[in-house]
Amino acid sequence: MEQHRFTKLLSPTDTSHRLTIPMANLGDFELPTGQHAINIEVTDTLEQPWTFKLSIRRNNNPNPRPIFTGQWIQFVKEKGLRAGDRIVFSRQQIEGNGVQYRIRAERKIFKYWVNVQ
């Protein structure tokens, strides 16, 4: 069963440089102790895979500020995303101990959020 993790309105920085992840959601990712970056495999609504690099600040910074880089900007460009659009991020347990991450991009048209393919 798919579990919603977070929804985020995209800022200008999110669409031009990197996606800042809400700090409360850092625990949704299995970042090995002592590491500051891992690759996350994410699937969009068209079943296209993307590799986002999840990283946090080093040196036991009290505000690790998790971010996505890697193919994030390519994802933004391919979807034509802009500030004010939003992403919905979820995860699903798969057989064994595996986790599958999913991302959905949305744009508000009038009063409704619609998927961006």
PDB file of N, CA and C in Angstrom:
ATOM      1  N   MET A   1       0.833  -1.183   0.000  1.00  0.00           N
ATOM      2  CA  MET A   1       0.000   0.000   0.000  1.00  0.00           C
ATOM      3  C   MET A   1       0.877   1.246   0.000  1.00  0.00           C
ATOM      4  N   GLU A   2       0.556   2.177  -0.866  1.00  0.00           N
ATOM      5  CA  GLU A   2       1.346   3.398  -1.002  1.00  0.00           C
ATOM      6  C   GLU A   2       1.080   4.324   0.178  1.00  0.00           C
ATOM      7  N   GLN A   3       2.155   4.880   0.742  1.00  0.00           N
ATOM      8  CA  GLN A   3       2.054   5.780   1.887  1.00  0.00           C
ATOM      9  C   GLN A   3       2.519   7.174   1.476  1.00  0.00           C
ATOM     10  N   HIS A   4       1.632   8.141   1.641  1.00  0.00           N
ATOM     11  CA  HIS A   4       1.990   9.534   1.348  1.00  0.00           C
ATOM     12  C   HIS A   4       3.065   9.971   2.332  1.00  0.00           C
ATOM     13  N   ARG A   5       4.134  10.584   1.837  1.00  0.00           N
ATOM     14  CA  ARG A   5       5.210  11.050   2.713  1.00  0.00           C
ATOM     15  C   ARG A   5       5.182  12.571   2.849  1.00  0.00           C
ATOM     16  N   PHE A   6       5.128  13.297   1.719  1.00  0.00           N
ATOM     17  CA  PHE A   6       5.027  14.750   1.802  1.00  0.00           C
ATOM     18  C   PHE A   6       4.543  15.334   0.494  1.00  0.00           C
ATOM     19  N   THR A   7       3.968  16.528   0.602  1.00  0.00           N
ATOM     20  CA  THR A   7       3.563  17.337  -0.538  1.00  0.00           C
ATOM     21  C   THR A   7       4.294  18.655  -0.383  1.00  0.00           C
ATOM     22  N   LYS A   8       4.839  19.178  -1.468  1.00  0.00           N
ATOM     23  CA  LYS A   8       5.589  20.426  -1.371  1.00  0.00           C
ATOM     24  C   LYS A   8       5.293  21.329  -2.562  1.00  0.00           C
ATOM     25  N   LEU A   9       4.963  22.589  -2.258  1.00  0.00           N
ATOM     26  CA  LEU A   9       4.875  23.616  -3.297  1.00  0.00           C
ATOM     27  C   LEU A   9       6.288  23.968  -3.703  1.00  0.00           C
ATOM     28  N   LEU A  10       6.544  24.031  -4.984  1.00  0.00           N
ATOM     29  CA  LEU A  10       7.901  24.290  -5.465  1.00  0.00           C
ATOM     30  C   LEU A  10       8.232  25.775  -5.436  1.00  0.00           C
ATOM     31  N   SER A  11       9.405  26.074  -4.927  1.00  0.00           N
ATOM     32  CA  SER A  11       9.924  27.446  -4.888  1.00  0.00           C
ATOM     33  C   SER A  11      10.790  27.673  -6.124  1.00  0.00           C
ATOM     34  N   PRO A  12      11.181  28.932  -6.396  1.00  0.00           N
ATOM     35  CA  PRO A  12      12.102  29.171  -7.516  1.00  0.00           C
ATOM     36  C   PRO A  12      13.407  28.367  -7.383  1.00  0.00           C
ATOM     37  N   THR A  13      13.943  28.238  -6.178  1.00  0.00           N
ATOM     38  CA  THR A  13      15.173  27.454  -5.970  1.00  0.00           C
ATOM     39  C   THR A  13      14.932  25.978  -6.259  1.00  0.00           C
ATOM     40  N   ASP A  14      13.755  25.471  -5.856  1.00  0.00           N
ATOM     41  CA  ASP A  14      13.424  24.068  -6.114  1.00  0.00           C
ATOM     42  C   ASP A  14      13.406  23.757  -7.607  1.00  0.00           C
ATOM     43  N   THR A  15      13.023  24.718  -8.430  1.00  0.00           N
ATOM     44  CA  THR A  15      12.911  24.464  -9.870  1.00  0.00           C
ATOM     45  C   THR A  15      14.170  24.829 -10.652  1.00  0.00           C
ATOM     46  N   SER A  16      15.133  25.476  -9.994  1.00  0.00           N
ATOM     47  CA  SER A  16      16.340  25.876 -10.723  1.00  0.00           C
ATOM     48  C   SER A  16      17.628  25.237 -10.210  1.00  0.00           C
ATOM     49  N   HIS A  17      17.639  24.774  -8.961  1.00  0.00           N
ATOM     50  CA  HIS A  17      18.889  24.241  -8.398  1.00  0.00           C
ATOM     51  C   HIS A  17      18.738  22.877  -7.735  1.00  0.00           C
ATOM     52  N   ARG A  18      17.845  22.782  -6.772  1.00  0.00           N
ATOM     53  CA  ARG A  18      17.707  21.565  -5.969  1.00  0.00           C
ATOM     54  C   ARG A  18      16.353  21.598  -5.270  1.00  0.00           C
ATOM     55  N   LEU A  19      15.877  20.440  -4.862  1.00  0.00           N
ATOM     56  CA  LEU A  19      14.625  20.362  -4.111  1.00  0.00           C
ATOM     57  C   LEU A  19      14.959  20.214  -2.637  1.00  0.00           C
ATOM     58  N   THR A  20      14.527  21.147  -1.834  1.00  0.00           N
ATOM     59  CA  THR A  20      14.705  21.027  -0.390  1.00  0.00           C
ATOM     60  C   THR A  20      13.588  20.155   0.163  1.00  0.00           C
ATOM     61  N   ILE A  21      13.966  19.117   0.880  1.00  0.00           N
ATOM     62  CA  ILE A  21      13.027  18.164   1.470  1.00  0.00           C
ATOM     63  C   ILE A  21      12.646  18.658   2.870  1.00  0.00           C
ATOM     64  N   PRO A  22      11.372  18.557   3.248  1.00  0.00           N
ATOM     65  CA  PRO A  22      11.010  18.936   4.620  1.00  0.00           C
ATOM     66  C   PRO A  22      11.822  18.121   5.633  1.00  0.00           C
ATOM     67  N   MET A  23      12.398  18.792   6.623  1.00  0.00           N
ATOM     68  CA  MET A  23      13.247  18.145   7.621  1.00  0.00           C
ATOM     69  C   MET A  23      12.514  16.985   8.302  1.00  0.00           C
ATOM     70  N   ALA A  24      11.224  17.149   8.517  1.00  0.00           N
ATOM     71  CA  ALA A  24      10.445  16.097   9.186  1.00  0.00           C
ATOM     72  C   ALA A  24      10.443  14.794   8.395  1.00  0.00           C
ATOM     73  N   ASN A  25      10.776  14.842   7.108  1.00  0.00           N
ATOM     74  CA  ASN A  25      10.745  13.650   6.260  1.00  0.00           C
ATOM     75  C   ASN A  25      12.098  12.993   6.053  1.00  0.00           C
ATOM     76  N   LEU A  26      13.138  13.516   6.668  1.00  0.00           N
ATOM     77  CA  LEU A  26      14.461  12.909   6.517  1.00  0.00           C
ATOM     78  C   LEU A  26      14.435  11.448   6.958  1.00  0.00           C
ATOM     79  N   GLY A  27      13.670  11.129   7.997  1.00  0.00           N
ATOM     80  CA  GLY A  27      13.580   9.763   8.500  1.00  0.00           C
ATOM     81  C   GLY A  27      12.892   8.794   7.548  1.00  0.00           C
ATOM     82  N   ASP A  28      12.258   9.294   6.496  1.00  0.00           N
ATOM     83  CA  ASP A  28      11.610   8.424   5.510  1.00  0.00           C
ATOM     84  C   ASP A  28      12.622   7.725   4.609  1.00  0.00           C
ATOM     85  N   PHE A  29      13.856   8.160   4.671  1.00  0.00           N
ATOM     86  CA  PHE A  29      14.911   7.615   3.826  1.00  0.00           C
ATOM     87  C   PHE A  29      15.948   6.927   4.702  1.00  0.00           C
ATOM     88  N   GLU A  30      16.496   5.841   4.196  1.00  0.00           N
ATOM     89  CA  GLU A  30      17.474   5.071   4.960  1.00  0.00           C
ATOM     90  C   GLU A  30      18.882   5.557   4.636  1.00  0.00           C
ATOM     91  N   LEU A  31      19.292   6.607   5.325  1.00  0.00           N
ATOM     92  CA  LEU A  31      20.626   7.171   5.157  1.00  0.00           C
ATOM     93  C   LEU A  31      21.559   6.468   6.139  1.00  0.00           C
ATOM     94  N   PRO A  32      22.498   5.649   5.641  1.00  0.00           N
ATOM     95  CA  PRO A  32      23.380   4.910   6.548  1.00  0.00           C
ATOM     96  C   PRO A  32      24.155   5.846   7.484  1.00  0.00           C
ATOM     97  N   THR A  33      24.358   5.390   8.690  1.00  0.00           N
ATOM     98  CA  THR A  33      25.089   6.161   9.691  1.00  0.00           C
ATOM     99  C   THR A  33      26.451   6.568   9.152  1.00  0.00           C
ATOM    100  N   GLY A  34      26.775   7.842   9.312  1.00  0.00           N
ATOM    101  CA  GLY A  34      28.057   8.355   8.878  1.00  0.00           C
ATOM    102  C   GLY A  34      28.093   8.827   7.434  1.00  0.00           C
ATOM    103  N   GLN A  35      27.051   8.521   6.646  1.00  0.00           N
ATOM    104  CA  GLN A  35      27.014   8.972   5.259  1.00  0.00           C
ATOM    105  C   GLN A  35      26.185  10.242   5.145  1.00  0.00           C
ATOM    106  N   HIS A  36      26.563  11.091   4.205  1.00  0.00           N
ATOM    107  CA  HIS A  36      25.814  12.334   4.008  1.00  0.00           C
ATOM    108  C   HIS A  36      25.057  12.364   2.676  1.00  0.00           C
ATOM    109  N   ALA A  37      25.189  11.292   1.866  1.00  0.00           N
ATOM    110  CA  ALA A  37      24.496  11.278   0.569  1.00  0.00           C
ATOM    111  C   ALA A  37      24.244   9.846   0.111  1.00  0.00           C
ATOM    112  N   ILE A  38      23.062   9.643  -0.502  1.00  0.00           N
ATOM    113  CA  ILE A  38      22.722   8.357  -1.119  1.00  0.00           C
ATOM    114  C   ILE A  38      21.884   8.631  -2.366  1.00  0.00           C
ATOM    115  N   ASN A  39      21.836   7.673  -3.264  1.00  0.00           N
ATOM    116  CA  ASN A  39      20.969   7.779  -4.435  1.00  0.00           C
ATOM    117  C   ASN A  39      19.631   7.127  -4.125  1.00  0.00           C
ATOM    118  N   ILE A  40      18.565   7.800  -4.520  1.00  0.00           N
ATOM    119  CA  ILE A  40      17.199   7.319  -4.318  1.00  0.00           C
ATOM    120  C   ILE A  40      16.594   7.070  -5.695  1.00  0.00           C
ATOM    121  N   GLU A  41      16.098   5.868  -5.920  1.00  0.00           N
ATOM    122  CA  GLU A  41      15.410   5.551  -7.171  1.00  0.00           C
ATOM    123  C   GLU A  41      13.936   5.904  -6.993  1.00  0.00           C
ATOM    124  N   VAL A  42      13.422   6.742  -7.898  1.00  0.00           N
ATOM    125  CA  VAL A  42      12.055   7.252  -7.808  1.00  0.00           C
ATOM    126  C   VAL A  42      11.361   6.991  -9.148  1.00  0.00           C
ATOM    127  N   THR A  43      10.076   6.634  -9.093  1.00  0.00           N
ATOM    128  CA  THR A  43       9.300   6.394 -10.301  1.00  0.00           C
ATOM    129  C   THR A  43       8.193   7.435 -10.397  1.00  0.00           C
ATOM    130  N   ASP A  44       8.020   8.020 -11.600  1.00  0.00           N
ATOM    131  CA  ASP A  44       6.964   9.020 -11.770  1.00  0.00           C
ATOM    132  C   ASP A  44       5.666   8.349 -12.216  1.00  0.00           C
ATOM    133  N   THR A  45       4.653   9.147 -12.503  1.00  0.00           N
ATOM    134  CA  THR A  45       3.333   8.613 -12.860  1.00  0.00           C
ATOM    135  C   THR A  45       3.317   7.908 -14.213  1.00  0.00           C
ATOM    136  N   LEU A  46       4.342   8.134 -15.031  1.00  0.00           N
ATOM    137  CA  LEU A  46       4.452   7.436 -16.318  1.00  0.00           C
ATOM    138  C   LEU A  46       5.322   6.190 -16.214  1.00  0.00           C
ATOM    139  N   GLU A  47       5.666   5.837 -14.968  1.00  0.00           N
ATOM    140  CA  GLU A  47       6.535   4.689 -14.677  1.00  0.00           C
ATOM    141  C   GLU A  47       7.967   4.898 -15.160  1.00  0.00           C
ATOM    142  N   GLN A  48       8.360   6.139 -15.366  1.00  0.00           N
ATOM    143  CA  GLN A  48       9.743   6.444 -15.746  1.00  0.00           C
ATOM    144  C   GLN A  48      10.587   6.534 -14.481  1.00  0.00           C
ATOM    145  N   PRO A  49      11.718   5.838 -14.452  1.00  0.00           N
ATOM    146  CA  PRO A  49      12.590   5.905 -13.273  1.00  0.00           C
ATOM    147  C   PRO A  49      13.484   7.141 -13.301  1.00  0.00           C
ATOM    148  N   TRP A  50      13.754   7.675 -12.119  1.00  0.00           N
ATOM    149  CA  TRP A  50      14.646   8.817 -11.925  1.00  0.00           C
ATOM    150  C   TRP A  50      15.565   8.497 -10.761  1.00  0.00           C
ATOM    151  N   THR A  51      16.787   9.002 -10.816  1.00  0.00           N
ATOM    152  CA  THR A  51      17.717   8.840  -9.707  1.00  0.00           C
ATOM    153  C   THR A  51      17.974  10.212  -9.104  1.00  0.00           C
ATOM    154  N   PHE A  52      17.497  10.396  -7.887  1.00  0.00           N
ATOM    155  CA  PHE A  52      17.727  11.637  -7.154  1.00  0.00           C
ATOM    156  C   PHE A  52      18.797  11.364  -6.110  1.00  0.00           C
ATOM    157  N   LYS A  53      19.683  12.310  -5.933  1.00  0.00           N
ATOM    158  CA  LYS A  53      20.703  12.185  -4.894  1.00  0.00           C
ATOM    159  C   LYS A  53      20.182  12.919  -3.661  1.00  0.00           C
ATOM    160  N   LEU A  54      19.994  12.182  -2.579  1.00  0.00           N
ATOM    161  CA  LEU A  54      19.586  12.771  -1.307  1.00  0.00           C
ATOM    162  C   LEU A  54      20.848  13.068  -0.520  1.00  0.00           C
ATOM    163  N   SER A  55      21.020  14.312  -0.121  1.00  0.00           N
ATOM    164  CA  SER A  55      22.201  14.650   0.675  1.00  0.00           C
ATOM    165  C   SER A  55      21.823  15.594   1.807  1.00  0.00           C
ATOM    166  N   ILE A  56      22.653  15.562   2.830  1.00  0.00           N
ATOM    167  CA  ILE A  56      22.485  16.456   3.980  1.00  0.00           C
ATOM    168  C   ILE A  56      23.827  17.108   4.278  1.00  0.00           C
ATOM    169  N   ARG A  57      23.772  18.187   5.046  1.00  0.00           N
ATOM    170  CA  ARG A  57      25.007  18.861   5.439  1.00  0.00           C
ATOM    171  C   ARG A  57      25.840  17.938   6.323  1.00  0.00           C
ATOM    172  N   ARG A  58      27.127  18.108   6.252  1.00  0.00           N
ATOM    173  CA  ARG A  58      28.059  17.277   7.028  1.00  0.00           C
ATOM    174  C   ARG A  58      28.359  17.889   8.395  1.00  0.00           C
ATOM    175  N   ASN A  59      29.245  17.210   9.106  1.00  0.00           N
ATOM    176  CA  ASN A  59      29.816  17.683  10.372  1.00  0.00           C
ATOM    177  C   ASN A  59      28.796  17.875  11.480  1.00  0.00           C
ATOM    178  N   ASN A  60      27.838  16.962  11.576  1.00  0.00           N
ATOM    179  CA  ASN A  60      26.842  16.997  12.656  1.00  0.00           C
ATOM    180  C   ASN A  60      26.148  18.343  12.773  1.00  0.00           C
ATOM    181  N   ASN A  61      25.916  18.986  11.661  1.00  0.00           N
ATOM    182  CA  ASN A  61      25.207  20.262  11.635  1.00  0.00           C
ATOM    183  C   ASN A  61      23.837  20.048  12.268  1.00  0.00           C
ATOM    184  N   PRO A  62      23.417  20.927  13.205  1.00  0.00           N
ATOM    185  CA  PRO A  62      22.121  20.745  13.861  1.00  0.00           C
ATOM    186  C   PRO A  62      20.935  20.878  12.895  1.00  0.00           C
ATOM    187  N   ASN A  63      21.169  21.465  11.710  1.00  0.00           N
ATOM    188  CA  ASN A  63      20.125  21.574  10.694  1.00  0.00           C
ATOM    189  C   ASN A  63      20.635  20.902   9.423  1.00  0.00           C
ATOM    190  N   PRO A  64      20.441  19.579   9.303  1.00  0.00           N
ATOM    191  CA  PRO A  64      21.018  18.866   8.160  1.00  0.00           C
ATOM    192  C   PRO A  64      20.492  19.303   6.796  1.00  0.00           C
ATOM    193  N   ARG A  65      19.296  19.884   6.725  1.00  0.00           N
ATOM    194  CA  ARG A  65      18.691  20.395   5.494  1.00  0.00           C
ATOM    195  C   ARG A  65      18.805  19.417   4.327  1.00  0.00           C
ATOM    196  N   PRO A  66      17.965  18.384   4.308  1.00  0.00           N
ATOM    197  CA  PRO A  66      18.031  17.407   3.228  1.00  0.00           C
ATOM    198  C   PRO A  66      17.594  18.007   1.883  1.00  0.00           C
ATOM    199  N   ILE A  67      18.300  17.610   0.831  1.00  0.00           N
ATOM    200  CA  ILE A  67      17.987  18.098  -0.516  1.00  0.00           C
ATOM    201  C   ILE A  67      18.087  16.960  -1.525  1.00  0.00           C
ATOM    202  N   PHE A  68      17.371  17.123  -2.648  1.00  0.00           N
ATOM    203  CA  PHE A  68      17.514  16.248  -3.803  1.00  0.00           C
ATOM    204  C   PHE A  68      18.265  17.010  -4.880  1.00  0.00           C
ATOM    205  N   THR A  69      19.269  16.337  -5.462  1.00  0.00           N
ATOM    206  CA  THR A  69      19.949  16.831  -6.659  1.00  0.00           C
ATOM    207  C   THR A  69      19.929  15.654  -7.643  1.00  0.00           C
ATOM    208  N   GLY A  70      21.024  15.360  -8.304  1.00  0.00           N
ATOM    209  CA  GLY A  70      21.046  14.260  -9.263  1.00  0.00           C
ATOM    210  C   GLY A  70      20.171  14.611 -10.457  1.00  0.00           C
ATOM    211  N   GLN A  71      19.213  13.766 -10.779  1.00  0.00           N
ATOM    212  CA  GLN A  71      18.345  13.989 -11.931  1.00  0.00           C
ATOM    213  C   GLN A  71      17.155  14.904 -11.604  1.00  0.00           C
ATOM    214  N   TRP A  72      17.166  15.521 -10.444  1.00  0.00           N
ATOM    215  CA  TRP A  72      16.044  16.378 -10.059  1.00  0.00           C
ATOM    216  C   TRP A  72      15.771  17.474 -11.106  1.00  0.00           C
ATOM    217  N   ILE A  73      16.787  18.236 -11.499  1.00  0.00           N
ATOM    218  CA  ILE A  73      16.571  19.337 -12.448  1.00  0.00           C
ATOM    219  C   ILE A  73      16.145  18.795 -13.812  1.00  0.00           C
ATOM    220  N   GLN A  74      16.650  17.644 -14.211  1.00  0.00           N
ATOM    221  CA  GLN A  74      16.197  17.019 -15.455  1.00  0.00           C
ATOM    222  C   GLN A  74      14.705  16.683 -15.347  1.00  0.00           C
ATOM    223  N   PHE A  75      14.274  16.181 -14.191  1.00  0.00           N
ATOM    224  CA  PHE A  75      12.854  15.888 -13.946  1.00  0.00           C
ATOM    225  C   PHE A  75      12.028  17.168 -14.077  1.00  0.00           C
ATOM    226  N   VAL A  76      12.494  18.252 -13.449  1.00  0.00           N
ATOM    227  CA  VAL A  76      11.797  19.546 -13.510  1.00  0.00           C
ATOM    228  C   VAL A  76      11.649  20.001 -14.960  1.00  0.00           C
ATOM    229  N   LYS A  77      12.739  19.937 -15.716  1.00  0.00           N
ATOM    230  CA  LYS A  77      12.706  20.391 -17.111  1.00  0.00           C
ATOM    231  C   LYS A  77      11.801  19.521 -17.969  1.00  0.00           C
ATOM    232  N   GLU A  78      11.891  18.209 -17.811  1.00  0.00           N
ATOM    233  CA  GLU A  78      11.075  17.317 -18.634  1.00  0.00           C
ATOM    234  C   GLU A  78       9.584  17.509 -18.355  1.00  0.00           C
ATOM    235  N   LYS A  79       9.241  17.781 -17.105  1.00  0.00           N
ATOM    236  CA  LYS A  79       7.834  17.972 -16.740  1.00  0.00           C
ATOM    237  C   LYS A  79       7.375  19.417 -16.967  1.00  0.00           C
ATOM    238  N   GLY A  80       8.321  20.323 -17.221  1.00  0.00           N
ATOM    239  CA  GLY A  80       7.968  21.728 -17.415  1.00  0.00           C
ATOM    240  C   GLY A  80       7.498  22.393 -16.126  1.00  0.00           C
ATOM    241  N   LEU A  81       8.066  21.969 -15.008  1.00  0.00           N
ATOM    242  CA  LEU A  81       7.627  22.488 -13.712  1.00  0.00           C
ATOM    243  C   LEU A  81       8.128  23.902 -13.475  1.00  0.00           C
ATOM    244  N   ARG A  82       7.374  24.636 -12.701  1.00  0.00           N
ATOM    245  CA  ARG A  82       7.743  26.017 -12.341  1.00  0.00           C
ATOM    246  C   ARG A  82       7.329  26.271 -10.900  1.00  0.00           C
ATOM    247  N   ALA A  83       7.832  27.356 -10.349  1.00  0.00           N
ATOM    248  CA  ALA A  83       7.484  27.733  -8.975  1.00  0.00           C
ATOM    249  C   ALA A  83       5.968  27.831  -8.871  1.00  0.00           C
ATOM    250  N   GLY A  84       5.422  27.300  -7.771  1.00  0.00           N
ATOM    251  CA  GLY A  84       3.977  27.279  -7.576  1.00  0.00           C
ATOM    252  C   GLY A  84       3.347  25.938  -7.897  1.00  0.00           C
ATOM    253  N   ASP A  85       4.020  25.113  -8.731  1.00  0.00           N
ATOM    254  CA  ASP A  85       3.564  23.742  -8.939  1.00  0.00           C
ATOM    255  C   ASP A  85       3.892  22.979  -7.660  1.00  0.00           C
ATOM    256  N   ARG A  86       3.458  21.745  -7.579  1.00  0.00           N
ATOM    257  CA  ARG A  86       3.782  20.972  -6.387  1.00  0.00           C
ATOM    258  C   ARG A  86       4.120  19.548  -6.755  1.00  0.00           C
ATOM    259  N   ILE A  87       4.816  18.903  -5.834  1.00  0.00           N
ATOM    260  CA  ILE A  87       5.099  17.487  -5.987  1.00  0.00           C
ATOM    261  C   ILE A  87       4.487  16.750  -4.803  1.00  0.00           C
ATOM    262  N   VAL A  88       4.087  15.526  -5.076  1.00  0.00           N
ATOM    263  CA  VAL A  88       3.564  14.631  -4.048  1.00  0.00           C
ATOM    264  C   VAL A  88       4.490  13.428  -4.038  1.00  0.00           C
ATOM    265  N   PHE A  89       5.089  13.167  -2.889  1.00  0.00           N
ATOM    266  CA  PHE A  89       6.079  12.109  -2.757  1.00  0.00           C
ATOM    267  C   PHE A  89       5.516  11.017  -1.853  1.00  0.00           C
ATOM    268  N   SER A  90       5.647   9.769  -2.304  1.00  0.00           N
ATOM    269  CA  SER A  90       5.139   8.657  -1.506  1.00  0.00           C
ATOM    270  C   SER A  90       6.108   7.481  -1.593  1.00  0.00           C
ATOM    271  N   ARG A  91       5.844   6.497  -0.764  1.00  0.00           N
ATOM    272  CA  ARG A  91       6.663   5.286  -0.820  1.00  0.00           C
ATOM    273  C   ARG A  91       5.783   4.082  -0.551  1.00  0.00           C
ATOM    274  N   GLN A  92       6.288   2.939  -1.004  1.00  0.00           N
ATOM    275  CA  GLN A  92       5.537   1.702  -0.867  1.00  0.00           C
ATOM    276  C   GLN A  92       6.497   0.589  -0.517  1.00  0.00           C
ATOM    277  N   GLN A  93       6.134  -0.227   0.461  1.00  0.00           N
ATOM    278  CA  GLN A  93       6.932  -1.406   0.793  1.00  0.00           C
ATOM    279  C   GLN A  93       6.735  -2.421  -0.316  1.00  0.00           C
ATOM    280  N   ILE A  94       7.820  -3.052  -0.730  1.00  0.00           N
ATOM    281  CA  ILE A  94       7.713  -4.116  -1.722  1.00  0.00           C
ATOM    282  C   ILE A  94       8.255  -5.395  -1.090  1.00  0.00           C
ATOM    283  N   GLU A  95       8.116  -6.503  -1.777  1.00  0.00           N
ATOM    284  CA  GLU A  95       8.520  -7.790  -1.214  1.00  0.00           C
ATOM    285  C   GLU A  95       9.888  -7.720  -0.556  1.00  0.00           C
ATOM    286  N   GLY A  96      10.004  -8.431   0.541  1.00  0.00           N
ATOM    287  CA  GLY A  96      11.239  -8.399   1.302  1.00  0.00           C
ATOM    288  C   GLY A  96      11.322  -7.104   2.084  1.00  0.00           C
ATOM    289  N   ASN A  97      12.494  -6.507   2.122  1.00  0.00           N
ATOM    290  CA  ASN A  97      12.687  -5.246   2.845  1.00  0.00           C
ATOM    291  C   ASN A  97      12.765  -4.056   1.911  1.00  0.00           C
ATOM    292  N   GLY A  98      12.356  -4.225   0.671  1.00  0.00           N
ATOM    293  CA  GLY A  98      12.489  -3.167  -0.315  1.00  0.00           C
ATOM    294  C   GLY A  98      11.467  -2.051  -0.162  1.00  0.00           C
ATOM    295  N   VAL A  99      11.836  -0.895  -0.679  1.00  0.00           N
ATOM    296  CA  VAL A  99      10.964   0.276  -0.678  1.00  0.00           C
ATOM    297  C   VAL A  99      10.977   0.855  -2.081  1.00  0.00           C
ATOM    298  N   GLN A 100       9.807   1.226  -2.575  1.00  0.00           N
ATOM    299  CA  GLN A 100       9.715   1.897  -3.871  1.00  0.00           C
ATOM    300  C   GLN A 100       9.206   3.317  -3.618  1.00  0.00           C
ATOM    301  N   TYR A 101       9.942   4.301  -4.131  1.00  0.00           N
ATOM    302  CA  TYR A 101       9.549   5.704  -3.993  1.00  0.00           C
ATOM    303  C   TYR A 101       8.840   6.149  -5.263  1.00  0.00           C
ATOM    304  N   ARG A 102       7.807   6.977  -5.092  1.00  0.00           N
ATOM    305  CA  ARG A 102       7.042   7.489  -6.236  1.00  0.00           C
ATOM    306  C   ARG A 102       6.904   9.001  -6.098  1.00  0.00           C
ATOM    307  N   ILE A 103       6.856   9.675  -7.264  1.00  0.00           N
ATOM    308  CA  ILE A 103       6.688  11.123  -7.279  1.00  0.00           C
ATOM    309  C   ILE A 103       5.615  11.485  -8.305  1.00  0.00           C
ATOM    310  N   ARG A 104       4.789  12.439  -7.924  1.00  0.00           N
ATOM    311  CA  ARG A 104       3.747  12.948  -8.827  1.00  0.00           C
ATOM    312  C   ARG A 104       3.874  14.462  -8.854  1.00  0.00           C
ATOM    313  N   ALA A 105       3.927  15.026 -10.051  1.00  0.00           N
ATOM    314  CA  ALA A 105       3.981  16.480 -10.220  1.00  0.00           C
ATOM    315  C   ALA A 105       2.579  16.976 -10.533  1.00  0.00           C
ATOM    316  N   GLU A 106       2.213  18.112  -9.940  1.00  0.00           N
ATOM    317  CA  GLU A 106       0.879  18.662 -10.139  1.00  0.00           C
ATOM    318  C   GLU A 106       0.940  20.167 -10.370  1.00  0.00           C
ATOM    319  N   ARG A 107      -0.055  20.652 -11.108  1.00  0.00           N
ATOM    320  CA  ARG A 107      -0.182  22.086 -11.371  1.00  0.00           C
ATOM    321  C   ARG A 107      -1.616  22.479 -11.058  1.00  0.00           C
ATOM    322  N   LYS A 108      -1.775  23.639 -10.436  1.00  0.00           N
ATOM    323  CA  LYS A 108      -3.114  24.110 -10.105  1.00  0.00           C
ATOM    324  C   LYS A 108      -3.707  24.829 -11.308  1.00  0.00           C
ATOM    325  N   ILE A 109      -4.845  24.337 -11.746  1.00  0.00           N
ATOM    326  CA  ILE A 109      -5.589  24.965 -12.841  1.00  0.00           C
ATOM    327  C   ILE A 109      -6.945  25.343 -12.263  1.00  0.00           C
ATOM    328  N   PHE A 110      -7.172  26.643 -12.207  1.00  0.00           N
ATOM    329  CA  PHE A 110      -8.329  27.187 -11.502  1.00  0.00           C
ATOM    330  C   PHE A 110      -8.253  26.728 -10.055  1.00  0.00           C
ATOM    331  N   LYS A 111      -9.195  25.940  -9.582  1.00  0.00           N
ATOM    332  CA  LYS A 111      -9.183  25.516  -8.182  1.00  0.00           C
ATOM    333  C   LYS A 111      -8.682  24.088  -7.986  1.00  0.00           C
ATOM    334  N   TYR A 112      -8.271  23.433  -9.081  1.00  0.00           N
ATOM    335  CA  TYR A 112      -7.970  22.013  -9.014  1.00  0.00           C
ATOM    336  C   TYR A 112      -6.511  21.697  -9.318  1.00  0.00           C
ATOM    337  N   TRP A 113      -5.963  20.735  -8.578  1.00  0.00           N
ATOM    338  CA  TRP A 113      -4.614  20.246  -8.853  1.00  0.00           C
ATOM    339  C   TRP A 113      -4.718  19.110  -9.854  1.00  0.00           C
ATOM    340  N   VAL A 114      -3.997  19.224 -10.963  1.00  0.00           N
ATOM    341  CA  VAL A 114      -3.995  18.179 -11.985  1.00  0.00           C
ATOM    342  C   VAL A 114      -2.586  17.647 -12.197  1.00  0.00           C
ATOM    343  N   ASN A 115      -2.496  16.374 -12.570  1.00  0.00           N
ATOM    344  CA  ASN A 115      -1.196  15.749 -12.806  1.00  0.00           C
ATOM    345  C   ASN A 115      -0.502  16.404 -13.996  1.00  0.00           C
ATOM    346  N   VAL A 116       0.807  16.549 -13.854  1.00  0.00           N
ATOM    347  CA  VAL A 116       1.664  16.997 -14.957  1.00  0.00           C
ATOM    348  C   VAL A 116       2.372  15.741 -15.443  1.00  0.00           C
ATOM    349  N   GLN A 117       2.153  15.397 -16.695  1.00  0.00           N
ATOM    350  CA  GLN A 117       2.753  14.178 -17.230  1.00  0.00           C
ATOM    351  C   GLN A 117       4.109  14.508 -17.776  1.00  0.00           C
TER     352      GLN A 117
END
